């Protein structure tokens, strides 16, 4: 442990909070991308564009699974602020848990889509998702659930963002500074 403390900061592993900040801010543009751009929007641009979209989806799903694993192992990293009332504390915890489990559900839905597909689907064009079982009706139903669930998670993420902006502005508890990178603190 003493040797670890002697290392320059650049060679140290990030703390859990710092790692979750990186995860959080990496997932945000990906979430926005997938809300705005669907596979049907990408198909006219050819196979390379579709593969790039698929690679982004693979990165997104990997981050979702990492976040879920961290939550299962260590619980929520965030604590409700002292200025939050009882209802806001419950909402705070619900929004965080709904996001984590919702993102896991989106990843699980993608796996189930691959499992019920009539052909072998490959994430990123190279990673087999699941052995195809050719269950057309199940594939259609899971596809509809997957789409609905993703947009529901995006809505929850929007509510989550509005909640933290409200906390930062109305309660003045620096809620945005907690999750923002240090380079942006001067603007908050």
C-alpha atoms as a PDB file:
ATOM      1  CA  UNK A   1       0.000   0.000   0.000  1.00  0.00           C
ATOM      2  CA  UNK A   2       2.835   2.413   0.786  1.00  0.00           C
ATOM      3  CA  UNK A   3       4.394   1.821  -2.637  1.00  0.00           C
ATOM      4  CA  UNK A   4       1.054   2.622  -4.286  1.00  0.00           C
ATOM      5  CA  UNK A   5       0.879   6.004  -2.522  1.00  0.00           C
ATOM      6  CA  UNK A   6       4.364   6.881  -3.738  1.00  0.00           C
ATOM      7  CA  UNK A   7       3.407   6.472  -7.389  1.00  0.00           C
ATOM      8  CA  UNK A   8       2.620   9.661  -9.289  1.00  0.00           C
ATOM      9  CA  UNK A   9      -1.144  10.190  -9.668  1.00  0.00           C
ATOM     10  CA  UNK A  10      -1.006   9.479 -13.384  1.00  0.00           C
ATOM     11  CA  UNK A  11      -0.016   5.848 -12.711  1.00  0.00           C
ATOM     12  CA  UNK A  12      -2.644   5.207 -10.036  1.00  0.00           C
ATOM     13  CA  UNK A  13      -5.969   3.548 -10.694  1.00  0.00           C
ATOM     14  CA  UNK A  14      -8.862   6.008 -10.522  1.00  0.00           C
ATOM     15  CA  UNK A  15     -11.052   5.977  -7.446  1.00  0.00           C
ATOM     16  CA  UNK A  16     -14.496   4.448  -7.722  1.00  0.00           C
ATOM     17  CA  UNK A  17     -16.121   7.876  -7.901  1.00  0.00           C
ATOM     18  CA  UNK A  18     -13.731   9.011 -10.641  1.00  0.00           C
ATOM     19  CA  UNK A  19     -14.286   5.794 -12.605  1.00  0.00           C
ATOM     20  CA  UNK A  20     -18.065   6.229 -12.346  1.00  0.00           C
ATOM     21  CA  UNK A  21     -17.756   9.832 -13.548  1.00  0.00           C
ATOM     22  CA  UNK A  22     -15.869   8.607 -16.603  1.00  0.00           C
ATOM     23  CA  UNK A  23     -18.475   5.894 -17.162  1.00  0.00           C
ATOM     24  CA  UNK A  24     -21.327   8.378 -16.719  1.00  0.00           C
ATOM     25  CA  UNK A  25     -19.944  10.949 -19.159  1.00  0.00           C
ATOM     26  CA  UNK A  26     -18.952   8.293 -21.709  1.00  0.00           C
ATOM     27  CA  UNK A  27     -22.454   6.828 -21.743  1.00  0.00           C
ATOM     28  CA  UNK A  28     -24.254  10.159 -22.133  1.00  0.00           C
ATOM     29  CA  UNK A  29     -23.246  10.887 -25.767  1.00  0.00           C
ATOM     30  CA  UNK A  30     -23.853   7.241 -26.654  1.00  0.00           C
ATOM     31  CA  UNK A  31     -27.351   7.399 -25.155  1.00  0.00           C
ATOM     32  CA  UNK A  32     -28.076  10.576 -27.113  1.00  0.00           C
ATOM     33  CA  UNK A  33     -26.714   8.965 -30.299  1.00  0.00           C
ATOM     34  CA  UNK A  34     -28.980   5.919 -29.960  1.00  0.00           C
ATOM     35  CA  UNK A  35     -32.020   8.088 -29.181  1.00  0.00           C
ATOM     36  CA  UNK A  36     -31.446  10.144 -32.331  1.00  0.00           C
ATOM     37  CA  UNK A  37     -30.059   7.490 -34.710  1.00  0.00           C
ATOM     38  CA  UNK A  38     -31.711   4.111 -35.262  1.00  0.00           C
ATOM     39  CA  UNK A  39     -30.332   1.182 -37.287  1.00  0.00           C
ATOM     40  CA  UNK A  40     -32.857   2.029 -40.041  1.00  0.00           C
ATOM     41  CA  UNK A  41     -31.294   5.504 -40.291  1.00  0.00           C
ATOM     42  CA  UNK A  42     -27.840   3.956 -40.730  1.00  0.00           C
ATOM     43  CA  UNK A  43     -28.637   1.234 -43.280  1.00  0.00           C
ATOM     44  CA  UNK A  44     -28.739   3.573 -46.334  1.00  0.00           C
ATOM     45  CA  UNK A  45     -25.109   4.554 -45.638  1.00  0.00           C
ATOM     46  CA  UNK A  46     -23.809   1.010 -46.166  1.00  0.00           C
ATOM     47  CA  UNK A  47     -22.202  -1.827 -44.270  1.00  0.00           C
ATOM     48  CA  UNK A  48     -19.295   0.183 -42.822  1.00  0.00           C
ATOM     49  CA  UNK A  49     -21.646   2.744 -41.269  1.00  0.00           C
ATOM     50  CA  UNK A  50     -23.836  -0.021 -39.851  1.00  0.00           C
ATOM     51  CA  UNK A  51     -20.770  -1.762 -38.416  1.00  0.00           C
ATOM     52  CA  UNK A  52     -19.629   1.493 -36.782  1.00  0.00           C
ATOM     53  CA  UNK A  53     -23.105   1.880 -35.261  1.00  0.00           C
ATOM     54  CA  UNK A  54     -22.914  -1.720 -34.055  1.00  0.00           C
ATOM     55  CA  UNK A  55     -19.501  -1.136 -32.467  1.00  0.00           C
ATOM     56  CA  UNK A  56     -20.920   1.868 -30.601  1.00  0.00           C
ATOM     57  CA  UNK A  57     -23.762  -0.365 -29.396  1.00  0.00           C
ATOM     58  CA  UNK A  58     -21.247  -2.947 -28.189  1.00  0.00           C
ATOM     59  CA  UNK A  59     -19.355  -0.253 -26.263  1.00  0.00           C
ATOM     60  CA  UNK A  60     -22.622   1.030 -24.784  1.00  0.00           C
ATOM     61  CA  UNK A  61     -23.728  -2.447 -23.681  1.00  0.00           C
ATOM     62  CA  UNK A  62     -20.311  -3.175 -22.177  1.00  0.00           C
ATOM     63  CA  UNK A  63     -20.502   0.039 -20.142  1.00  0.00           C
ATOM     64  CA  UNK A  64     -24.055  -0.860 -19.046  1.00  0.00           C
ATOM     65  CA  UNK A  65     -22.854  -4.234 -17.789  1.00  0.00           C
ATOM     66  CA  UNK A  66     -19.859  -2.707 -16.009  1.00  0.00           C
ATOM     67  CA  UNK A  67     -22.131  -0.213 -14.263  1.00  0.00           C
ATOM     68  CA  UNK A  68     -24.564  -2.962 -13.226  1.00  0.00           C
ATOM     69  CA  UNK A  69     -21.723  -5.159 -11.945  1.00  0.00           C
ATOM     70  CA  UNK A  70     -20.337  -2.249  -9.911  1.00  0.00           C
ATOM     71  CA  UNK A  71     -23.783  -1.587  -8.444  1.00  0.00           C
ATOM     72  CA  UNK A  72     -24.300  -5.262  -7.570  1.00  0.00           C
ATOM     73  CA  UNK A  73     -20.889  -5.463  -5.931  1.00  0.00           C
ATOM     74  CA  UNK A  74     -20.803  -2.159  -4.044  1.00  0.00           C
ATOM     75  CA  UNK A  75     -24.258  -0.562  -4.191  1.00  0.00           C
ATOM     76  CA  UNK A  76     -25.003   3.016  -5.174  1.00  0.00           C
ATOM     77  CA  UNK A  77     -22.065   5.387  -5.096  1.00  0.00           C
ATOM     78  CA  UNK A  78     -24.229   8.458  -4.656  1.00  0.00           C
ATOM     79  CA  UNK A  79     -25.864   9.630  -1.479  1.00  0.00           C
ATOM     80  CA  UNK A  80     -28.813  11.987  -1.325  1.00  0.00           C
ATOM     81  CA  UNK A  81     -27.753  15.470  -0.283  1.00  0.00           C
ATOM     82  CA  UNK A  82     -28.584  16.773   3.192  1.00  0.00           C
ATOM     83  CA  UNK A  83     -30.867  19.456   1.719  1.00  0.00           C
ATOM     84  CA  UNK A  84     -33.179  16.929   0.086  1.00  0.00           C
ATOM     85  CA  UNK A  85     -36.522  16.256   1.755  1.00  0.00           C
ATOM     86  CA  UNK A  86     -37.824  12.719   2.363  1.00  0.00           C
ATOM     87  CA  UNK A  87     -39.700  12.482  -0.952  1.00  0.00           C
ATOM     88  CA  UNK A  88     -36.759  13.854  -2.930  1.00  0.00           C
ATOM     89  CA  UNK A  89     -34.460  11.325  -1.237  1.00  0.00           C
ATOM     90  CA  UNK A  90     -36.725   8.485  -2.359  1.00  0.00           C
ATOM     91  CA  UNK A  91     -36.883   9.945  -5.886  1.00  0.00           C
ATOM     92  CA  UNK A  92     -33.082  10.318  -5.934  1.00  0.00           C
ATOM     93  CA  UNK A  93     -32.550   6.662  -5.069  1.00  0.00           C
ATOM     94  CA  UNK A  94     -35.317   5.467  -7.411  1.00  0.00           C
ATOM     95  CA  UNK A  95     -33.917   7.378 -10.403  1.00  0.00           C
ATOM     96  CA  UNK A  96     -30.428   5.976  -9.914  1.00  0.00           C
ATOM     97  CA  UNK A  97     -31.597   2.398  -9.466  1.00  0.00           C
ATOM     98  CA  UNK A  98     -34.070   2.685 -12.370  1.00  0.00           C
ATOM     99  CA  UNK A  99     -31.255   3.876 -14.637  1.00  0.00           C
ATOM    100  CA  UNK A 100     -28.897   1.075 -13.659  1.00  0.00           C
ATOM    101  CA  UNK A 101     -31.498  -1.685 -13.933  1.00  0.00           C
ATOM    102  CA  UNK A 102     -33.000  -0.153 -17.063  1.00  0.00           C
ATOM    103  CA  UNK A 103     -29.629  -0.104 -18.803  1.00  0.00           C
ATOM    104  CA  UNK A 104     -29.079  -3.707 -17.764  1.00  0.00           C
ATOM    105  CA  UNK A 105     -32.503  -4.556 -19.186  1.00  0.00           C
ATOM    106  CA  UNK A 106     -31.573  -2.927 -22.502  1.00  0.00           C
ATOM    107  CA  UNK A 107     -28.412  -5.048 -22.643  1.00  0.00           C
ATOM    108  CA  UNK A 108     -30.394  -8.171 -21.768  1.00  0.00           C
ATOM    109  CA  UNK A 109     -32.958  -7.307 -24.449  1.00  0.00           C
ATOM    110  CA  UNK A 110     -30.184  -7.111 -27.040  1.00  0.00           C
ATOM    111  CA  UNK A 111     -28.989 -10.559 -26.010  1.00  0.00           C
ATOM    112  CA  UNK A 112     -32.528 -11.940 -26.262  1.00  0.00           C
ATOM    113  CA  UNK A 113     -32.894 -10.377 -29.719  1.00  0.00           C
ATOM    114  CA  UNK A 114     -29.789 -12.246 -30.807  1.00  0.00           C
ATOM    115  CA  UNK A 115     -31.033 -15.443 -29.191  1.00  0.00           C
ATOM    116  CA  UNK A 116     -34.410 -15.394 -30.958  1.00  0.00           C
ATOM    117  CA  UNK A 117     -33.031 -14.176 -34.293  1.00  0.00           C
ATOM    118  CA  UNK A 118     -33.240 -16.325 -37.463  1.00  0.00           C
ATOM    119  CA  UNK A 119     -29.524 -15.714 -38.116  1.00  0.00           C
ATOM    120  CA  UNK A 120     -26.344 -15.289 -36.081  1.00  0.00           C
ATOM    121  CA  UNK A 121     -26.103 -11.646 -35.020  1.00  0.00           C
ATOM    122  CA  UNK A 122     -22.662 -10.244 -34.288  1.00  0.00           C
ATOM    123  CA  UNK A 123     -22.125  -7.172 -32.135  1.00  0.00           C
ATOM    124  CA  UNK A 124     -19.687  -4.847 -33.830  1.00  0.00           C
ATOM    125  CA  UNK A 125     -19.617  -7.251 -36.762  1.00  0.00           C
ATOM    126  CA  UNK A 126     -17.331  -9.701 -34.949  1.00  0.00           C
ATOM    127  CA  UNK A 127     -18.740 -10.758 -31.539  1.00  0.00           C
ATOM    128  CA  UNK A 128     -21.509 -13.404 -31.718  1.00  0.00           C
ATOM    129  CA  UNK A 129     -24.385 -12.323 -29.478  1.00  0.00           C
ATOM    130  CA  UNK A 130     -26.147 -15.654 -28.974  1.00  0.00           C
ATOM    131  CA  UNK A 131     -26.930 -18.836 -30.904  1.00  0.00           C
ATOM    132  CA  UNK A 132     -29.934 -18.067 -33.143  1.00  0.00           C
ATOM    133  CA  UNK A 133     -33.067 -20.045 -32.309  1.00  0.00           C
ATOM    134  CA  UNK A 134     -35.182 -18.670 -35.185  1.00  0.00           C
ATOM    135  CA  UNK A 135     -38.203 -17.716 -33.056  1.00  0.00           C
ATOM    136  CA  UNK A 136     -39.824 -15.054 -35.239  1.00  0.00           C
ATOM    137  CA  UNK A 137     -42.779 -14.201 -32.996  1.00  0.00           C
ATOM    138  CA  UNK A 138     -40.604 -14.024 -29.867  1.00  0.00           C
ATOM    139  CA  UNK A 139     -38.025 -11.958 -31.765  1.00  0.00           C
ATOM    140  CA  UNK A 140     -40.688  -9.442 -32.792  1.00  0.00           C
ATOM    141  CA  UNK A 141     -42.086  -9.146 -29.253  1.00  0.00           C
ATOM    142  CA  UNK A 142     -38.625  -8.820 -27.692  1.00  0.00           C
ATOM    143  CA  UNK A 143     -37.703  -6.232 -30.317  1.00  0.00           C
ATOM    144  CA  UNK A 144     -40.734  -4.110 -29.406  1.00  0.00           C
ATOM    145  CA  UNK A 145     -39.965  -4.434 -25.686  1.00  0.00           C
ATOM    146  CA  UNK A 146     -36.300  -3.584 -26.335  1.00  0.00           C
ATOM    147  CA  UNK A 147     -37.220  -0.401 -28.199  1.00  0.00           C
ATOM    148  CA  UNK A 148     -39.817   0.652 -25.618  1.00  0.00           C
ATOM    149  CA  UNK A 149     -37.433  -0.057 -22.755  1.00  0.00           C
ATOM    150  CA  UNK A 150     -34.612   1.925 -24.349  1.00  0.00           C
ATOM    151  CA  UNK A 151     -36.770   5.019 -24.808  1.00  0.00           C
ATOM    152  CA  UNK A 152     -38.128   4.614 -21.285  1.00  0.00           C
ATOM    153  CA  UNK A 153     -34.541   4.566 -19.969  1.00  0.00           C
ATOM    154  CA  UNK A 154     -33.806   7.687 -22.043  1.00  0.00           C
ATOM    155  CA  UNK A 155     -36.837   9.386 -20.456  1.00  0.00           C
ATOM    156  CA  UNK A 156     -35.640   8.372 -16.984  1.00  0.00           C
ATOM    157  CA  UNK A 157     -32.188   9.758 -17.836  1.00  0.00           C
ATOM    158  CA  UNK A 158     -33.817  13.048 -18.847  1.00  0.00           C
ATOM    159  CA  UNK A 159     -35.797  13.191 -15.594  1.00  0.00           C
ATOM    160  CA  UNK A 160     -32.583  12.335 -13.726  1.00  0.00           C
ATOM    161  CA  UNK A 161     -30.766  15.249 -15.399  1.00  0.00           C
ATOM    162  CA  UNK A 162     -33.613  17.702 -14.679  1.00  0.00           C
ATOM    163  CA  UNK A 163     -33.688  16.529 -11.049  1.00  0.00           C
ATOM    164  CA  UNK A 164     -29.975  17.245 -10.610  1.00  0.00           C
ATOM    165  CA  UNK A 165     -30.219  20.625 -12.339  1.00  0.00           C
ATOM    166  CA  UNK A 166     -33.129  21.466 -10.001  1.00  0.00           C
ATOM    167  CA  UNK A 167     -31.026  20.426  -7.016  1.00  0.00           C
ATOM    168  CA  UNK A 168     -28.097  22.519  -8.197  1.00  0.00           C
ATOM    169  CA  UNK A 169     -30.142  25.642  -8.963  1.00  0.00           C
ATOM    170  CA  UNK A 170     -32.966  25.554  -6.403  1.00  0.00           C
ATOM    171  CA  UNK A 171     -31.301  23.899  -3.416  1.00  0.00           C
ATOM    172  CA  UNK A 172     -27.805  25.189  -4.243  1.00  0.00           C
ATOM    173  CA  UNK A 173     -26.250  21.913  -3.085  1.00  0.00           C
ATOM    174  CA  UNK A 174     -23.668  21.686  -5.910  1.00  0.00           C
ATOM    175  CA  UNK A 175     -25.285  18.545  -7.310  1.00  0.00           C
ATOM    176  CA  UNK A 176     -23.805  19.173 -10.760  1.00  0.00           C
ATOM    177  CA  UNK A 177     -20.301  19.747  -9.440  1.00  0.00           C
ATOM    178  CA  UNK A 178     -20.356  16.311  -7.835  1.00  0.00           C
ATOM    179  CA  UNK A 179     -20.640  14.522 -11.196  1.00  0.00           C
ATOM    180  CA  UNK A 180     -19.008  17.071 -13.493  1.00  0.00           C
ATOM    181  CA  UNK A 181     -15.322  16.768 -14.401  1.00  0.00           C
ATOM    182  CA  UNK A 182     -13.113  19.178 -12.447  1.00  0.00           C
ATOM    183  CA  UNK A 183     -12.317  21.130 -15.605  1.00  0.00           C
ATOM    184  CA  UNK A 184     -15.967  22.225 -15.747  1.00  0.00           C
ATOM    185  CA  UNK A 185     -16.348  23.186 -12.069  1.00  0.00           C
ATOM    186  CA  UNK A 186     -15.546  26.843 -12.724  1.00  0.00           C
ATOM    187  CA  UNK A 187     -18.624  27.099 -14.959  1.00  0.00           C
ATOM    188  CA  UNK A 188     -20.949  25.672 -12.323  1.00  0.00           C
END
